[in-house]
Amino acid sequence: MMLSVLNKFRPLFLITDLVLTLLSLAGGEYLRTHIYLGMPLDAGAPIGWLSLQIYLAALAAWLAAFQITGIHQPKAIPDRGTWRAIVFSDILGTAAFLSLLFFLKVTDFSRGLVVYTFVLSLTAHLIRHALTRKGLERLLRPFAQRVLLVGEGEMGTLLVDRLLENQWGMKIVGGIAPHGQLEGLPRIGKLIKLPEIVREQKIDVVLIALPASRHELTSELVLRLQSLPVRIHVMPDLLNLTLSKAAVEDFFGLPLIGLREPPIGIWGRCLKRTFDIVASAGAILVASPVMLAVMAAIRIYDGGPVFFRQKRVGENGRPFDMFKFRSMIVDAESRLTSLGIDREKLDRENPVFKLKNDPRITPVGRFLRRWSLDELPQLFNVLRGDMSLVGPRPEDAKVVARYNFFLRKRLALKPGLTGPMQVNGRGDLPMKKRMSLELAYIDHWSVWTDIKIILQTIPAVLSGKGAY
């Protein structure tokens, strides 16, 4: 609705921010000659340092940063939280600008200029976003569309949640359910009187979110509303088929719904993989003394294998071998019977079950699990491309086999060394809550989200919560 209108203005917002970047660069050049950072400029220092080459480098750097962070996407414009992505885009733009200067062999650039440019561009972009959001909100307030929702079940609940989170450009009048009430919305009548309600409440848009079993009712409602001047949107029951973001495209006049659209675009995918390679390689070098010490401790304790290899399910359902430091006794699996645990029955009833205070864990292994050191070998999985630094938890095949079609959506991304589960309770997190967090991560992925999760992982590991 309103987002489709905003989509038409994306080029305008992008061009405005790029112009602000170039003005910030020019402003930075002026400030560095008048407000010194550190020592004053030498008498012979160049004043007119900027050239067309420098301006083009800045333009390319910030253009790439804007595309990666997606701050000009329609859904980002009314979002108050977009300021975080703007901060990151300016940091990324500045880093890319410096990289381009190095590539262009510009060695005599001013550090003061870079600092001033970053501060000015960040301030200008934040102000532009705030003014755009406030200005459009006030401008469109008299034209806000009156929305009525007709829904039921999981689809109705999902749409209500999204509507309440994103009411920009809309006035939600209420909801009608075939049976009961849509939680969070006032019930304004019975379904049988839908046309009368639309006329009395001066509804502009009717959203219908009914399950596939209600197909005939959906068709009937659409036919009953055809004679009224109201826009009708039907949310198809694709929740059980959608594995990732769905996209509707026009195929020579026929609407086609893509059910396996990648959750991350090509630029985001390249950035995520590049970051994984650089960060995992660096982490392996830094952690190598610790890993050598762990390997020695495991070997000295019982002389058994150092590594534990386990089959896990990766991106798009592809299996891979996940590596960990062995934290249990060598014949751990065969000892389950002596503990009174039936493995086959357990796999049927609760495949994600983890035994607290498991007596099969060695003293060395208990220390490794407490500080998550047993997961360090997964850095090699990240380097190989089986995993990512951040993503859904790498799941066992027997757990994936129990997924419904909707839950298989979490296989749309590579599993992560850390992720929403690890920073929200780890082993103490209920299965339903973990799935909800991971699916939300996939739906709202951004570079900033990955950075935030990585930073949250440190206190999560130190707390030891859910580590057993």
Protein backbone atom coordinates (compact mmCIF):
# COMPACT_ATOMS: atom_id res chain seq x y z
CA MET A 1 0.00 0.00 0.00
CA MET A 2 1.93 3.03 1.27
CA LEU A 3 5.19 1.13 0.84
CA SER A 4 4.53 0.77 -2.89
CA VAL A 5 4.20 4.56 -3.08
CA LEU A 6 7.45 5.06 -1.16
CA ASN A 7 9.20 2.65 -3.49
CA LYS A 8 8.76 5.13 -6.32
CA PHE A 9 10.66 7.76 -4.31
CA ARG A 10 13.67 5.54 -3.54
CA PRO A 11 15.84 7.13 -6.28
CA LEU A 12 15.04 10.58 -4.86
CA PHE A 13 16.09 9.60 -1.32
CA LEU A 14 19.25 7.92 -2.66
CA ILE A 15 20.27 10.92 -4.77
CA THR A 16 19.57 13.29 -1.85
CA ASP A 17 21.84 11.31 0.47
CA LEU A 18 24.60 11.10 -2.14
CA VAL A 19 24.44 14.87 -2.65
CA LEU A 20 24.62 15.32 1.14
CA THR A 21 27.72 13.10 1.15
CA LEU A 22 29.46 15.23 -1.47
CA LEU A 23 28.50 18.41 0.39
CA SER A 24 29.88 16.86 3.60
CA LEU A 25 33.14 16.14 1.78
CA ALA A 26 33.35 19.76 0.64
CA GLY A 27 32.43 20.91 4.16
CA GLY A 28 35.13 18.67 5.60
CA GLU A 29 37.70 20.29 3.33
CA TYR A 30 36.63 23.72 4.56
CA LEU A 31 36.66 22.76 8.25
CA ARG A 32 40.09 21.12 8.12
CA THR A 33 41.59 24.44 7.03
CA HIS A 34 39.81 26.43 9.75
CA ILE A 35 39.40 24.08 12.73
CA TYR A 36 42.57 22.07 13.21
CA LEU A 37 42.63 18.57 14.62
CA GLY A 38 45.97 18.46 16.39
CA MET A 39 48.75 20.52 14.80
CA PRO A 40 47.87 23.52 12.57
CA LEU A 41 48.45 23.14 8.84
CA ASP A 42 51.91 24.00 7.57
CA ALA A 43 52.25 27.14 5.54
CA GLY A 44 52.87 25.13 2.38
CA ALA A 45 50.12 22.54 2.95
CA PRO A 46 47.72 22.12 -0.01
CA ILE A 47 44.34 23.76 0.55
CA GLY A 48 42.38 22.76 -2.55
CA TRP A 49 43.11 19.05 -2.10
CA LEU A 50 39.81 17.70 -3.44
CA SER A 51 39.61 16.67 -7.07
CA LEU A 52 37.06 15.03 -9.34
CA GLN A 53 38.74 11.69 -8.63
CA ILE A 54 38.23 12.14 -4.87
CA TYR A 55 34.59 13.11 -5.29
CA LEU A 56 33.93 10.09 -7.53
CA ALA A 57 35.63 7.81 -4.97
CA ALA A 58 33.36 9.16 -2.21
CA LEU A 59 30.32 8.76 -4.46
CA ALA A 60 31.17 5.12 -5.21
CA ALA A 61 31.99 4.32 -1.57
CA TRP A 62 28.76 5.66 -0.11
CA LEU A 63 26.65 4.31 -2.97
CA ALA A 64 27.92 0.80 -2.19
CA ALA A 65 27.36 1.35 1.55
CA PHE A 66 23.77 2.51 0.97
CA GLN A 67 23.03 -0.51 -1.20
CA ILE A 68 24.45 -2.95 1.36
CA THR A 69 22.63 -1.48 4.38
CA GLY A 70 19.36 -0.90 2.50
CA ILE A 71 18.50 2.38 4.25
CA HIS A 72 16.45 3.51 1.24
CA GLN A 73 14.18 0.48 1.20
CA PRO A 74 10.51 1.53 1.57
CA LYS A 75 10.15 -0.30 4.90
CA ALA A 76 13.21 1.52 6.31
CA ILE A 77 11.83 5.02 5.74
CA PRO A 78 9.13 5.00 8.44
CA ASP A 79 11.17 2.81 10.81
CA ARG A 80 12.57 4.63 13.86
CA GLY A 81 15.32 2.03 14.18
CA THR A 82 16.79 2.88 10.76
CA TRP A 83 19.20 5.29 12.46
CA ARG A 84 21.36 2.29 13.40
CA ALA A 85 21.65 1.26 9.75
CA ILE A 86 22.48 4.86 8.84
CA VAL A 87 25.31 4.93 11.38
CA PHE A 88 26.66 1.67 10.00
CA SER A 89 26.32 2.86 6.38
CA ASP A 90 28.43 5.94 7.13
CA ILE A 91 31.06 3.84 8.91
CA LEU A 92 31.09 1.43 5.96
CA GLY A 93 31.16 4.32 3.47
CA THR A 94 34.11 5.95 5.23
CA ALA A 95 36.02 2.65 5.32
CA ALA A 96 35.31 2.05 1.62
CA PHE A 97 36.37 5.64 0.83
CA LEU A 98 39.71 5.14 2.58
CA SER A 99 40.19 1.83 0.75
CA LEU A 100 39.55 3.51 -2.61
CA LEU A 101 42.04 6.27 -1.77
CA PHE A 102 44.63 3.60 -1.05
CA PHE A 103 43.76 1.77 -4.30
CA LEU A 104 44.04 5.05 -6.25
CA LYS A 105 47.44 5.61 -4.59
CA VAL A 106 46.33 8.85 -2.93
CA THR A 107 48.84 8.98 -0.11
CA ASP A 108 48.70 12.63 0.95
CA PHE A 109 45.09 12.73 2.10
CA SER A 110 44.10 14.60 5.23
CA ARG A 111 42.99 12.55 8.23
CA GLY A 112 41.17 15.63 9.53
CA LEU A 113 39.20 15.77 6.28
CA VAL A 114 38.08 12.15 6.73
CA VAL A 115 36.98 12.76 10.33
CA TYR A 116 35.05 15.93 9.46
CA THR A 117 33.45 14.28 6.42
CA PHE A 118 32.26 11.33 8.50
CA VAL A 119 30.76 13.56 11.22
CA LEU A 120 29.07 15.88 8.71
CA SER A 121 27.70 13.09 6.51
CA LEU A 122 26.39 11.09 9.47
CA THR A 123 24.69 14.18 10.91
CA ALA A 124 23.22 15.14 7.53
CA HIS A 125 21.91 11.62 6.80
CA LEU A 126 20.33 11.26 10.25
CA ILE A 127 18.64 14.66 9.92
CA ARG A 128 17.44 13.80 6.40
CA HIS A 129 15.94 10.53 7.63
CA ALA A 130 14.21 12.18 10.61
CA LEU A 131 12.80 15.01 8.47
CA THR A 132 11.66 12.57 5.78
CA ARG A 133 9.91 10.32 8.28
CA LYS A 134 8.27 13.17 10.20
CA GLY A 135 7.44 15.16 7.09
CA LEU A 136 5.84 12.29 5.21
CA GLU A 137 3.99 11.14 8.33
CA ARG A 138 2.47 14.60 8.78
CA LEU A 139 1.83 15.05 5.05
CA LEU A 140 0.10 11.70 4.67
CA ARG A 141 -1.80 11.75 7.97
CA PRO A 142 -4.96 13.27 6.40
CA PHE A 143 -4.75 10.63 3.67
CA ALA A 144 -4.22 7.65 5.99
CA GLN A 145 -6.10 4.63 4.69
CA ARG A 146 -8.74 3.10 6.93
CA VAL A 147 -7.96 -0.60 7.14
CA LEU A 148 -10.16 -3.53 8.17
CA LEU A 149 -8.70 -7.00 8.69
CA VAL A 150 -10.61 -10.24 8.18
CA GLY A 151 -8.51 -13.11 9.45
CA GLU A 152 -8.21 -16.33 11.38
CA GLY A 153 -5.58 -18.70 12.71
CA GLU A 154 -1.83 -18.36 12.30
CA MET A 155 -2.11 -16.19 9.20
CA GLY A 156 -4.48 -13.74 10.86
CA THR A 157 -2.27 -13.50 13.95
CA LEU A 158 0.85 -12.93 11.85
CA LEU A 159 -0.81 -10.15 9.84
CA VAL A 160 -2.13 -8.45 12.99
CA ASP A 161 1.37 -8.41 14.47
CA ARG A 162 2.81 -6.88 11.30
CA LEU A 163 0.05 -4.28 11.11
CA LEU A 164 0.50 -3.19 14.71
CA GLU A 165 4.26 -2.90 14.19
CA ASN A 166 3.90 -0.88 10.98
CA GLN A 167 0.87 1.41 11.14
CA TRP A 168 2.53 4.17 9.14
CA GLY A 169 0.13 5.57 6.52
CA MET A 170 -2.76 3.48 7.87
CA LYS A 171 -5.51 3.72 10.46
CA ILE A 172 -6.47 0.23 11.62
CA VAL A 173 -10.20 0.38 12.28
CA GLY A 174 -10.61 -3.16 13.60
CA GLY A 175 -10.79 -6.85 12.78
CA ILE A 176 -13.36 -9.54 12.12
CA ALA A 177 -12.82 -13.26 12.62
CA PRO A 178 -15.19 -16.01 11.43
CA HIS A 179 -15.06 -17.38 14.96
CA GLY A 180 -13.91 -15.50 18.04
CA GLN A 181 -11.80 -12.36 17.87
CA LEU A 182 -8.47 -11.29 16.42
CA GLU A 183 -6.25 -10.58 19.43
CA GLY A 184 -4.97 -7.02 19.46
CA LEU A 185 -7.74 -5.55 17.29
CA PRO A 186 -11.21 -4.38 18.31
CA ARG A 187 -14.04 -6.50 16.88
CA ILE A 188 -16.39 -4.18 14.99
CA GLY A 189 -19.08 -6.53 13.80
CA LYS A 190 -20.00 -9.89 12.36
CA LEU A 191 -18.68 -11.30 9.12
CA ILE A 192 -22.13 -11.63 7.62
CA LYS A 193 -22.48 -7.84 7.74
CA LEU A 194 -19.10 -7.11 6.15
CA PRO A 195 -20.41 -4.92 3.27
CA GLU A 196 -22.46 -2.81 5.70
CA ILE A 197 -19.47 -2.42 8.03
CA VAL A 198 -17.26 -1.31 5.12
CA ARG A 199 -19.79 1.37 4.15
CA GLU A 200 -20.48 2.59 7.70
CA GLN A 201 -16.83 2.71 8.76
CA LYS A 202 -15.72 4.22 5.41
CA ILE A 203 -13.13 1.50 4.97
CA ASP A 204 -10.51 2.08 2.27
CA VAL A 205 -8.73 -1.29 2.41
CA VAL A 206 -9.89 -4.75 3.44
CA LEU A 207 -7.15 -7.28 4.21
CA ILE A 208 -8.22 -10.93 4.10
CA ALA A 209 -5.94 -13.48 5.79
CA LEU A 210 -7.76 -16.81 5.98
CA PRO A 211 -6.27 -20.33 5.82
CA ALA A 212 -6.54 -22.46 2.68
CA SER A 213 -9.37 -24.45 4.28
CA ARG A 214 -11.41 -21.23 4.07
CA HIS A 215 -10.86 -20.79 0.34
CA GLU A 216 -14.57 -20.75 -0.46
CA LEU A 217 -15.21 -18.13 2.24
CA THR A 218 -12.39 -15.98 0.87
CA SER A 219 -13.89 -16.14 -2.64
CA GLU A 220 -17.34 -15.29 -1.27
CA LEU A 221 -16.05 -12.26 0.65
CA VAL A 222 -14.21 -10.93 -2.40
CA LEU A 223 -17.36 -11.26 -4.52
CA ARG A 224 -19.48 -9.51 -1.88
CA LEU A 225 -17.08 -6.58 -1.76
CA GLN A 226 -16.66 -6.18 -5.52
CA SER A 227 -19.48 -3.64 -5.82
CA LEU A 228 -18.01 -1.37 -3.12
CA PRO A 229 -15.30 1.31 -3.66
CA VAL A 230 -12.81 -0.52 -1.45
CA ARG A 231 -9.40 -2.03 -2.16
CA ILE A 232 -9.14 -5.74 -1.38
CA HIS A 233 -5.88 -7.51 -0.51
CA VAL A 234 -5.79 -11.26 0.04
CA MET A 235 -2.90 -12.86 1.90
CA PRO A 236 -2.49 -16.29 0.25
CA ASP A 237 -2.02 -19.26 2.55
CA LEU A 238 1.59 -19.90 1.57
CA LEU A 239 2.97 -20.18 5.09
CA ASN A 240 3.33 -23.91 4.73
CA LEU A 241 5.10 -23.56 1.39
CA THR A 242 7.23 -20.47 1.83
CA LEU A 243 10.83 -21.42 2.56
CA SER A 244 12.12 -17.86 2.44
CA LYS A 245 10.88 -14.45 1.39
CA ALA A 246 8.11 -14.60 -1.19
CA ALA A 247 8.10 -12.17 -4.08
CA VAL A 248 5.34 -11.35 -6.57
CA GLU A 249 6.38 -10.50 -10.11
CA ASP A 250 4.56 -9.76 -13.34
CA PHE A 251 5.13 -12.42 -16.00
CA PHE A 252 3.69 -10.90 -19.18
CA GLY A 253 0.49 -9.92 -17.38
CA LEU A 254 0.30 -13.00 -15.15
CA PRO A 255 1.14 -12.69 -11.41
CA LEU A 256 3.75 -15.20 -10.29
CA ILE A 257 4.66 -15.74 -6.64
CA GLY A 258 8.24 -16.77 -5.99
CA LEU A 259 8.45 -19.04 -2.94
CA ARG A 260 12.21 -19.48 -2.72
CA GLU A 261 13.50 -15.95 -3.06
CA PRO A 262 16.86 -15.65 -1.22
CA PRO A 263 16.60 -13.80 2.11
CA ILE A 264 19.87 -11.99 1.38
CA GLY A 265 20.62 -10.18 -1.87
CA ILE A 266 23.77 -10.71 -3.89
CA TRP A 267 25.62 -7.76 -2.31
CA GLY A 268 24.71 -8.79 1.21
CA ARG A 269 25.70 -12.37 0.45
CA CYS A 270 29.11 -11.31 -0.87
CA LEU A 271 29.68 -9.06 2.14
CA LYS A 272 28.64 -11.78 4.61
CA ARG A 273 30.90 -14.38 2.99
CA THR A 274 33.86 -11.98 2.80
CA PHE A 275 33.43 -11.12 6.46
CA ASP A 276 33.20 -14.83 7.35
CA ILE A 277 36.46 -15.62 5.56
CA VAL A 278 38.43 -12.70 6.98
CA ALA A 279 37.05 -12.98 10.53
CA SER A 280 37.31 -16.78 10.80
CA ALA A 281 40.87 -16.81 9.43
CA GLY A 282 41.86 -14.08 11.89
CA ALA A 283 40.10 -15.84 14.77
CA ILE A 284 41.90 -19.12 13.99
CA LEU A 285 45.26 -17.36 14.13
CA VAL A 286 44.42 -15.60 17.41
CA ALA A 287 42.88 -18.70 19.03
CA SER A 288 45.50 -21.18 17.80
CA PRO A 289 47.45 -21.23 21.14
CA VAL A 290 44.18 -21.91 23.01
CA MET A 291 43.18 -24.65 20.56
CA LEU A 292 46.59 -26.32 20.88
CA ALA A 293 46.24 -26.24 24.67
CA VAL A 294 42.74 -27.76 24.46
CA MET A 295 43.96 -30.51 22.13
CA ALA A 296 46.76 -31.36 24.55
CA ALA A 297 44.39 -31.40 27.55
CA ILE A 298 41.93 -33.77 25.84
CA ARG A 299 44.72 -36.08 24.72
CA ILE A 300 46.41 -36.16 28.11
CA TYR A 301 43.14 -36.85 29.98
CA ASP A 302 42.11 -40.12 28.30
CA GLY A 303 44.22 -40.50 25.14
CA GLY A 304 41.10 -40.50 22.95
CA PRO A 305 40.33 -38.54 19.77
CA VAL A 306 40.62 -34.77 20.04
CA PHE A 307 37.83 -33.89 17.62
CA PHE A 308 34.20 -34.91 17.50
CA ARG A 309 32.59 -34.96 14.05
CA GLN A 310 28.83 -34.86 13.66
CA LYS A 311 26.53 -34.68 10.64
CA ARG A 312 24.46 -31.50 10.58
CA VAL A 313 22.06 -29.99 8.05
CA GLY A 314 23.21 -26.81 6.36
CA GLU A 315 21.92 -24.27 3.87
CA ASN A 316 19.08 -25.59 1.66
CA GLY A 317 19.20 -28.93 3.48
CA ARG A 318 22.74 -29.87 2.44
CA PRO A 319 24.45 -32.12 5.04
CA PHE A 320 27.96 -31.36 6.26
CA ASP A 321 30.41 -32.54 8.92
CA MET A 322 30.50 -30.15 11.87
CA PHE A 323 33.66 -30.20 14.01
CA LYS A 324 33.88 -29.77 17.78
CA PHE A 325 36.40 -30.59 20.45
CA ARG A 326 35.38 -33.86 22.09
CA SER A 327 33.87 -33.12 25.50
CA MET A 328 32.47 -36.59 26.36
CA ILE A 329 33.98 -39.97 27.08
CA VAL A 330 34.96 -42.00 24.01
CA ASP A 331 31.99 -44.43 24.13
CA ALA A 332 29.44 -41.80 25.15
CA GLU A 333 26.67 -42.99 22.82
CA SER A 334 26.76 -46.58 24.06
CA ARG A 335 26.52 -45.38 27.69
CA LEU A 336 22.99 -43.97 27.20
CA THR A 337 21.39 -47.34 27.96
CA SER A 338 23.15 -47.55 31.33
CA LEU A 339 21.61 -44.16 32.15
CA GLY A 340 18.14 -45.55 31.46
CA ILE A 341 17.71 -43.58 28.23
CA ASP A 342 16.20 -45.17 25.11
CA ARG A 343 17.82 -43.29 22.20
CA GLU A 344 15.19 -44.33 19.61
CA LYS A 345 12.32 -43.33 21.88
CA LEU A 346 14.06 -40.06 22.77
CA ASP A 347 14.58 -39.20 19.08
CA ARG A 348 10.87 -39.73 18.47
CA GLU A 349 9.62 -37.72 21.44
CA ASN A 350 12.20 -34.96 21.93
CA PRO A 351 15.10 -34.97 19.44
CA VAL A 352 16.54 -31.70 20.82
CA PHE A 353 16.76 -33.04 24.38
CA LYS A 354 19.99 -32.31 26.24
CA LEU A 355 20.81 -34.01 29.52
CA LYS A 356 21.77 -31.58 32.29
CA ASN A 357 24.70 -32.68 34.45
CA ASP A 358 25.44 -35.42 31.91
CA PRO A 359 27.83 -37.88 33.65
CA ARG A 360 29.37 -38.75 30.27
CA ILE A 361 31.02 -35.31 30.06
CA THR A 362 34.67 -35.40 31.09
CA PRO A 363 36.11 -32.80 33.52
CA VAL A 364 37.99 -31.24 30.59
CA GLY A 365 34.82 -31.28 28.51
CA ARG A 366 32.83 -29.59 31.26
CA PHE A 367 35.33 -26.73 31.30
CA LEU A 368 35.24 -26.50 27.50
CA ARG A 369 31.43 -26.37 27.42
CA ARG A 370 31.26 -23.78 30.19
CA TRP A 371 33.36 -21.37 28.12
CA SER A 372 32.15 -22.62 24.69
CA LEU A 373 35.72 -23.60 23.79
CA ASP A 374 34.47 -26.91 22.39
CA GLU A 375 32.97 -24.98 19.46
CA LEU A 376 36.24 -23.34 18.33
CA PRO A 377 36.86 -25.94 15.55
CA GLN A 378 33.68 -24.69 13.88
CA LEU A 379 35.79 -21.73 12.73
CA PHE A 380 37.16 -24.18 10.14
CA ASN A 381 33.57 -24.94 9.07
CA VAL A 382 33.07 -21.21 8.59
CA LEU A 383 36.29 -20.91 6.59
CA ARG A 384 35.24 -23.86 4.41
CA GLY A 385 31.86 -22.30 3.71
CA ASP A 386 29.70 -24.92 5.50
CA MET A 387 28.73 -22.39 8.16
CA SER A 388 28.65 -18.66 8.79
CA LEU A 389 29.80 -16.74 11.86
CA VAL A 390 26.18 -15.74 12.52
CA GLY A 391 23.11 -17.73 11.58
CA PRO A 392 20.54 -20.28 12.79
CA ARG A 393 21.80 -23.11 14.98
CA PRO A 394 23.30 -26.04 12.97
CA GLU A 395 20.64 -28.69 13.40
CA ASP A 396 20.76 -32.46 13.51
CA ALA A 397 19.09 -34.33 10.64
CA LYS A 398 16.63 -36.05 12.98
CA VAL A 399 15.39 -32.64 14.17
CA VAL A 400 15.08 -31.27 10.62
CA ALA A 401 13.07 -34.37 9.67
CA ARG A 402 10.35 -33.18 12.09
CA TYR A 403 10.08 -29.71 10.57
CA ASN A 404 6.88 -28.71 8.84
CA PHE A 405 7.20 -26.79 5.58
CA PHE A 406 7.10 -23.46 7.39
CA LEU A 407 9.98 -24.31 9.73
CA ARG A 408 12.16 -25.42 6.82
CA LYS A 409 12.47 -21.72 6.11
CA ARG A 410 15.33 -21.63 8.65
CA LEU A 411 17.41 -23.66 6.17
CA ALA A 412 17.45 -20.67 3.81
CA LEU A 413 20.71 -19.44 5.41
CA LYS A 414 23.94 -21.13 6.44
CA PRO A 415 23.94 -22.20 10.09
CA GLY A 416 26.00 -20.02 12.39
CA LEU A 417 28.75 -20.43 14.95
CA THR A 418 26.65 -17.99 16.97
CA GLY A 419 23.15 -16.67 16.46
CA PRO A 420 19.86 -15.64 18.07
CA MET A 421 19.71 -18.84 20.14
CA GLN A 422 23.22 -18.49 21.56
CA VAL A 423 22.65 -14.93 22.80
CA ASN A 424 19.19 -15.59 24.25
CA GLY A 425 19.71 -18.50 26.62
CA ARG A 426 21.30 -21.29 24.56
CA GLY A 427 20.26 -24.68 25.96
CA ASP A 428 17.67 -23.13 28.30
CA LEU A 429 15.68 -21.71 25.39
CA PRO A 430 12.42 -23.58 24.56
CA MET A 431 12.26 -25.01 21.04
CA LYS A 432 9.34 -22.81 19.99
CA LYS A 433 11.03 -19.63 21.21
CA ARG A 434 14.31 -20.55 19.48
CA MET A 435 12.53 -21.20 16.18
CA SER A 436 10.70 -17.88 16.46
CA LEU A 437 13.96 -15.98 17.05
CA GLU A 438 15.76 -17.69 14.18
CA LEU A 439 12.94 -17.16 11.69
CA ALA A 440 12.77 -13.48 12.70
CA TYR A 441 16.55 -13.25 12.16
CA ILE A 442 16.18 -14.62 8.62
CA ASP A 443 13.27 -12.29 7.80
CA HIS A 444 15.07 -9.17 9.07
CA TRP A 445 18.70 -9.97 8.30
CA SER A 446 21.11 -7.06 8.05
CA VAL A 447 24.82 -6.52 8.52
CA TRP A 448 24.03 -4.55 11.68
CA THR A 449 22.10 -7.54 13.08
CA ASP A 450 25.14 -9.80 12.59
CA ILE A 451 27.45 -7.31 14.28
CA LYS A 452 25.04 -6.91 17.20
CA ILE A 453 24.79 -10.69 17.71
CA ILE A 454 28.59 -11.07 17.61
CA LEU A 455 28.95 -8.38 20.28
CA GLN A 456 26.19 -9.99 22.39
CA THR A 457 27.93 -13.38 22.16
CA ILE A 458 30.78 -12.26 24.42
CA PRO A 459 28.63 -11.55 27.53
CA ALA A 460 26.50 -14.61 26.72
CA VAL A 461 29.57 -16.86 26.86
CA LEU A 462 30.87 -15.20 30.03
CA SER A 463 27.52 -15.67 31.78
CA GLY A 464 27.54 -19.41 31.08
CA LYS A 465 23.73 -19.42 30.88
CA GLY A 466 22.41 -22.52 29.12
CA ALA A 467 25.90 -23.97 28.63
CA TYR A 468 25.76 -27.69 29.46
